[in-house]
């Protein structure tokens, strides 16, 4: 897994937003790995997600946050920055079929997921053995017609 940063932005739509973000990343030698943007025309809102490689990034994340905060304030941006090195605690919700769970557990073991898997939750007991094999706690929530809404 590359050491990367992901910036999420929401703000009122206005010209030049993509350019502002791209130019700042370029200024600090950031190599964009993936970028998406979308405009909600009814609400006149701009949404952006951009991920860049931190390998050759020329400033610290803290310094980038300070610089970006000024830009964000100018454009009324709500934003969040996450780094791949910062793992989040996560749970997996799974149904009866185990193929997707098996894939996620393999990717986790290979270090491809930026998270610490703390729990697997299912409405079927079928995947408990797989959770046990990977030493991840399993929580079974039985669901039937009467308890479906509550579950």
C-alpha atoms as a PDB file:
ATOM      1  CA  UNK A   1       0.000   0.000   0.000  1.00  0.00           C
ATOM      2  CA  UNK A   2       1.366   3.388  -0.985  1.00  0.00           C
ATOM      3  CA  UNK A   3       1.793   6.042   1.656  1.00  0.00           C
ATOM      4  CA  UNK A   4      -0.868   8.439   0.465  1.00  0.00           C
ATOM      5  CA  UNK A   5      -3.191  11.189   1.628  1.00  0.00           C
ATOM      6  CA  UNK A   6      -6.875  11.589   0.791  1.00  0.00           C
ATOM      7  CA  UNK A   7      -8.564  14.981   0.866  1.00  0.00           C
ATOM      8  CA  UNK A   8     -12.376  15.223   0.908  1.00  0.00           C
ATOM      9  CA  UNK A   9     -13.941  18.590   0.108  1.00  0.00           C
ATOM     10  CA  UNK A  10     -17.484  19.990   0.059  1.00  0.00           C
ATOM     11  CA  UNK A  11     -18.214  23.639  -0.641  1.00  0.00           C
ATOM     12  CA  UNK A  12     -20.380  26.027  -2.647  1.00  0.00           C
ATOM     13  CA  UNK A  13     -19.673  25.513  -6.342  1.00  0.00           C
ATOM     14  CA  UNK A  14     -17.447  28.128  -7.956  1.00  0.00           C
ATOM     15  CA  UNK A  15     -14.987  28.308 -10.824  1.00  0.00           C
ATOM     16  CA  UNK A  16     -11.403  27.210 -10.311  1.00  0.00           C
ATOM     17  CA  UNK A  17     -11.776  24.825  -7.381  1.00  0.00           C
ATOM     18  CA  UNK A  18     -10.103  21.872  -9.107  1.00  0.00           C
ATOM     19  CA  UNK A  19      -7.289  24.169 -10.207  1.00  0.00           C
ATOM     20  CA  UNK A  20      -6.766  25.554  -6.692  1.00  0.00           C
ATOM     21  CA  UNK A  21      -6.401  22.062  -5.213  1.00  0.00           C
ATOM     22  CA  UNK A  22      -4.284  20.676  -8.071  1.00  0.00           C
ATOM     23  CA  UNK A  23      -1.945  23.674  -8.050  1.00  0.00           C
ATOM     24  CA  UNK A  24      -1.367  23.390  -4.308  1.00  0.00           C
ATOM     25  CA  UNK A  25      -0.542  19.692  -4.614  1.00  0.00           C
ATOM     26  CA  UNK A  26       1.773  20.449  -7.547  1.00  0.00           C
ATOM     27  CA  UNK A  27       3.487  23.206  -5.536  1.00  0.00           C
ATOM     28  CA  UNK A  28       4.420  20.639  -2.884  1.00  0.00           C
ATOM     29  CA  UNK A  29       5.419  17.940  -5.394  1.00  0.00           C
ATOM     30  CA  UNK A  30       2.313  15.831  -4.781  1.00  0.00           C
ATOM     31  CA  UNK A  31       1.619  13.150  -7.390  1.00  0.00           C
ATOM     32  CA  UNK A  32      -2.149  12.673  -7.773  1.00  0.00           C
ATOM     33  CA  UNK A  33      -3.081   8.980  -7.728  1.00  0.00           C
ATOM     34  CA  UNK A  34      -6.828   9.424  -8.062  1.00  0.00           C
ATOM     35  CA  UNK A  35      -9.221  12.357  -8.253  1.00  0.00           C
ATOM     36  CA  UNK A  36     -12.995  12.651  -8.529  1.00  0.00           C
ATOM     37  CA  UNK A  37     -15.216  15.674  -8.426  1.00  0.00           C
ATOM     38  CA  UNK A  38     -18.931  16.183  -8.736  1.00  0.00           C
ATOM     39  CA  UNK A  39     -21.299  19.133  -8.727  1.00  0.00           C
ATOM     40  CA  UNK A  40     -24.798  18.926  -7.300  1.00  0.00           C
ATOM     41  CA  UNK A  41     -26.404  21.466  -9.630  1.00  0.00           C
ATOM     42  CA  UNK A  42     -29.637  21.680  -7.650  1.00  0.00           C
ATOM     43  CA  UNK A  43     -27.859  22.499  -4.389  1.00  0.00           C
ATOM     44  CA  UNK A  44     -24.947  24.281  -6.143  1.00  0.00           C
ATOM     45  CA  UNK A  45     -22.444  22.230  -4.154  1.00  0.00           C
ATOM     46  CA  UNK A  46     -19.014  20.997  -5.217  1.00  0.00           C
ATOM     47  CA  UNK A  47     -17.646  17.658  -3.970  1.00  0.00           C
ATOM     48  CA  UNK A  48     -14.092  16.442  -4.465  1.00  0.00           C
ATOM     49  CA  UNK A  49     -11.986  13.488  -3.406  1.00  0.00           C
ATOM     50  CA  UNK A  50      -8.310  13.558  -4.297  1.00  0.00           C
ATOM     51  CA  UNK A  51      -5.630  11.055  -3.291  1.00  0.00           C
ATOM     52  CA  UNK A  52      -1.940  11.733  -3.735  1.00  0.00           C
ATOM     53  CA  UNK A  53       1.338   9.945  -3.099  1.00  0.00           C
ATOM     54  CA  UNK A  54       3.257  11.221  -0.076  1.00  0.00           C
ATOM     55  CA  UNK A  55       6.547   9.660  -1.211  1.00  0.00           C
ATOM     56  CA  UNK A  56       7.965  12.892  -2.640  1.00  0.00           C
ATOM     57  CA  UNK A  57       5.586  15.355  -0.961  1.00  0.00           C
ATOM     58  CA  UNK A  58       7.779  18.256   0.136  1.00  0.00           C
ATOM     59  CA  UNK A  59       5.906  19.409   3.277  1.00  0.00           C
ATOM     60  CA  UNK A  60       4.618  17.674   6.369  1.00  0.00           C
ATOM     61  CA  UNK A  61       0.928  16.854   6.608  1.00  0.00           C
ATOM     62  CA  UNK A  62       0.604  19.326   9.488  1.00  0.00           C
ATOM     63  CA  UNK A  63       2.127  22.104   7.372  1.00  0.00           C
ATOM     64  CA  UNK A  64      -0.142  21.187   4.453  1.00  0.00           C
ATOM     65  CA  UNK A  65      -3.190  21.330   6.739  1.00  0.00           C
ATOM     66  CA  UNK A  66      -2.255  24.841   7.878  1.00  0.00           C
ATOM     67  CA  UNK A  67      -1.791  26.043   4.303  1.00  0.00           C
ATOM     68  CA  UNK A  68      -4.932  24.328   3.050  1.00  0.00           C
ATOM     69  CA  UNK A  69      -7.012  25.713   5.931  1.00  0.00           C
ATOM     70  CA  UNK A  70      -6.445  29.225   4.559  1.00  0.00           C
ATOM     71  CA  UNK A  71      -7.616  28.156   1.082  1.00  0.00           C
ATOM     72  CA  UNK A  72     -10.549  26.234   2.552  1.00  0.00           C
ATOM     73  CA  UNK A  73     -11.658  29.258   4.535  1.00  0.00           C
ATOM     74  CA  UNK A  74     -11.502  31.468   1.444  1.00  0.00           C
ATOM     75  CA  UNK A  75     -13.737  29.053  -0.510  1.00  0.00           C
ATOM     76  CA  UNK A  76     -16.062  28.081   2.387  1.00  0.00           C
ATOM     77  CA  UNK A  77     -14.864  24.474   2.212  1.00  0.00           C
ATOM     78  CA  UNK A  78     -15.715  21.736   4.651  1.00  0.00           C
ATOM     79  CA  UNK A  79     -12.818  19.311   4.393  1.00  0.00           C
ATOM     80  CA  UNK A  80     -11.172  16.271   5.904  1.00  0.00           C
ATOM     81  CA  UNK A  81      -7.701  14.864   5.329  1.00  0.00           C
ATOM     82  CA  UNK A  82      -6.763  11.243   6.009  1.00  0.00           C
ATOM     83  CA  UNK A  83      -3.401   9.531   5.586  1.00  0.00           C
ATOM     84  CA  UNK A  84      -3.038   5.870   4.667  1.00  0.00           C
ATOM     85  CA  UNK A  85      -0.509   5.418   7.470  1.00  0.00           C
ATOM     86  CA  UNK A  86      -3.279   6.206   9.976  1.00  0.00           C
ATOM     87  CA  UNK A  87      -5.289   3.027  10.368  1.00  0.00           C
ATOM     88  CA  UNK A  88      -8.895   3.255  11.522  1.00  0.00           C
ATOM     89  CA  UNK A  89     -10.678   0.700  13.671  1.00  0.00           C
ATOM     90  CA  UNK A  90     -13.227  -1.108  11.506  1.00  0.00           C
ATOM     91  CA  UNK A  91     -15.885  -3.791  11.547  1.00  0.00           C
ATOM     92  CA  UNK A  92     -17.147  -5.912   8.670  1.00  0.00           C
ATOM     93  CA  UNK A  93     -20.842  -6.670   8.310  1.00  0.00           C
ATOM     94  CA  UNK A  94     -21.362  -9.922   6.432  1.00  0.00           C
ATOM     95  CA  UNK A  95     -24.289 -12.064   5.353  1.00  0.00           C
ATOM     96  CA  UNK A  96     -24.327 -15.811   4.693  1.00  0.00           C
ATOM     97  CA  UNK A  97     -22.012 -15.933   1.663  1.00  0.00           C
ATOM     98  CA  UNK A  98     -18.359 -15.822   2.667  1.00  0.00           C
ATOM     99  CA  UNK A  99     -16.514 -15.032  -0.590  1.00  0.00           C
ATOM    100  CA  UNK A 100     -16.423 -11.240  -0.049  1.00  0.00           C
ATOM    101  CA  UNK A 101     -15.418 -11.665   3.586  1.00  0.00           C
ATOM    102  CA  UNK A 102     -12.641 -14.071   2.578  1.00  0.00           C
ATOM    103  CA  UNK A 103     -11.333 -11.532   0.058  1.00  0.00           C
ATOM    104  CA  UNK A 104     -11.383  -8.681   2.603  1.00  0.00           C
ATOM    105  CA  UNK A 105      -9.643 -10.808   5.234  1.00  0.00           C
ATOM    106  CA  UNK A 106      -6.965 -11.828   2.720  1.00  0.00           C
ATOM    107  CA  UNK A 107      -6.414  -8.182   1.723  1.00  0.00           C
ATOM    108  CA  UNK A 108      -6.242  -7.196   5.380  1.00  0.00           C
ATOM    109  CA  UNK A 109      -3.639  -9.861   6.120  1.00  0.00           C
ATOM    110  CA  UNK A 110      -1.639  -8.723   3.051  1.00  0.00           C
ATOM    111  CA  UNK A 111      -1.664  -5.139   4.333  1.00  0.00           C
ATOM    112  CA  UNK A 112      -3.811  -3.793   1.501  1.00  0.00           C
ATOM    113  CA  UNK A 113      -6.483  -2.281   3.760  1.00  0.00           C
ATOM    114  CA  UNK A 114      -5.807   0.862   5.770  1.00  0.00           C
ATOM    115  CA  UNK A 115      -7.713  -0.351   8.802  1.00  0.00           C
ATOM    116  CA  UNK A 116      -7.514  -2.499  11.908  1.00  0.00           C
ATOM    117  CA  UNK A 117     -10.299  -5.062  11.740  1.00  0.00           C
ATOM    118  CA  UNK A 118     -11.739  -5.315  15.238  1.00  0.00           C
ATOM    119  CA  UNK A 119     -14.969  -7.226  14.658  1.00  0.00           C
ATOM    120  CA  UNK A 120     -17.023  -9.209  12.173  1.00  0.00           C
ATOM    121  CA  UNK A 121     -20.804  -8.984  12.540  1.00  0.00           C
ATOM    122  CA  UNK A 122     -23.272 -11.283  10.804  1.00  0.00           C
ATOM    123  CA  UNK A 123     -26.876 -12.356  10.829  1.00  0.00           C
ATOM    124  CA  UNK A 124     -25.691 -15.889   9.995  1.00  0.00           C
ATOM    125  CA  UNK A 125     -23.292 -18.049  12.020  1.00  0.00           C
ATOM    126  CA  UNK A 126     -21.784 -19.566   8.839  1.00  0.00           C
ATOM    127  CA  UNK A 127     -18.766 -17.222   8.712  1.00  0.00           C
ATOM    128  CA  UNK A 128     -17.707 -17.573  12.358  1.00  0.00           C
ATOM    129  CA  UNK A 129     -15.051 -20.189  11.557  1.00  0.00           C
ATOM    130  CA  UNK A 130     -13.465 -17.856   9.004  1.00  0.00           C
ATOM    131  CA  UNK A 131     -13.390 -15.031  11.563  1.00  0.00           C
ATOM    132  CA  UNK A 132     -11.847 -17.373  14.144  1.00  0.00           C
ATOM    133  CA  UNK A 133      -9.189 -18.510  11.652  1.00  0.00           C
ATOM    134  CA  UNK A 134      -8.125 -14.867  11.257  1.00  0.00           C
ATOM    135  CA  UNK A 135      -8.356 -14.242  15.034  1.00  0.00           C
ATOM    136  CA  UNK A 136     -11.005 -11.554  14.646  1.00  0.00           C
ATOM    137  CA  UNK A 137     -13.908 -11.498  17.133  1.00  0.00           C
ATOM    138  CA  UNK A 138     -17.239 -12.561  15.647  1.00  0.00           C
ATOM    139  CA  UNK A 139     -20.637 -11.290  16.746  1.00  0.00           C
ATOM    140  CA  UNK A 140     -23.735 -13.172  15.627  1.00  0.00           C
ATOM    141  CA  UNK A 141     -27.051 -11.306  15.515  1.00  0.00           C
ATOM    142  CA  UNK A 142     -29.868 -13.766  14.768  1.00  0.00           C
ATOM    143  CA  UNK A 143     -32.544 -12.214  12.601  1.00  0.00           C
ATOM    144  CA  UNK A 144     -36.047 -13.490  11.876  1.00  0.00           C
ATOM    145  CA  UNK A 145     -39.271 -11.831  10.724  1.00  0.00           C
ATOM    146  CA  UNK A 146     -40.105 -10.666  14.235  1.00  0.00           C
ATOM    147  CA  UNK A 147     -36.662  -9.240  15.044  1.00  0.00           C
ATOM    148  CA  UNK A 148     -35.691  -7.882  11.610  1.00  0.00           C
ATOM    149  CA  UNK A 149     -36.616  -4.270  12.369  1.00  0.00           C
ATOM    150  CA  UNK A 150     -34.832  -4.351  15.724  1.00  0.00           C
ATOM    151  CA  UNK A 151     -31.663  -5.963  14.300  1.00  0.00           C
END
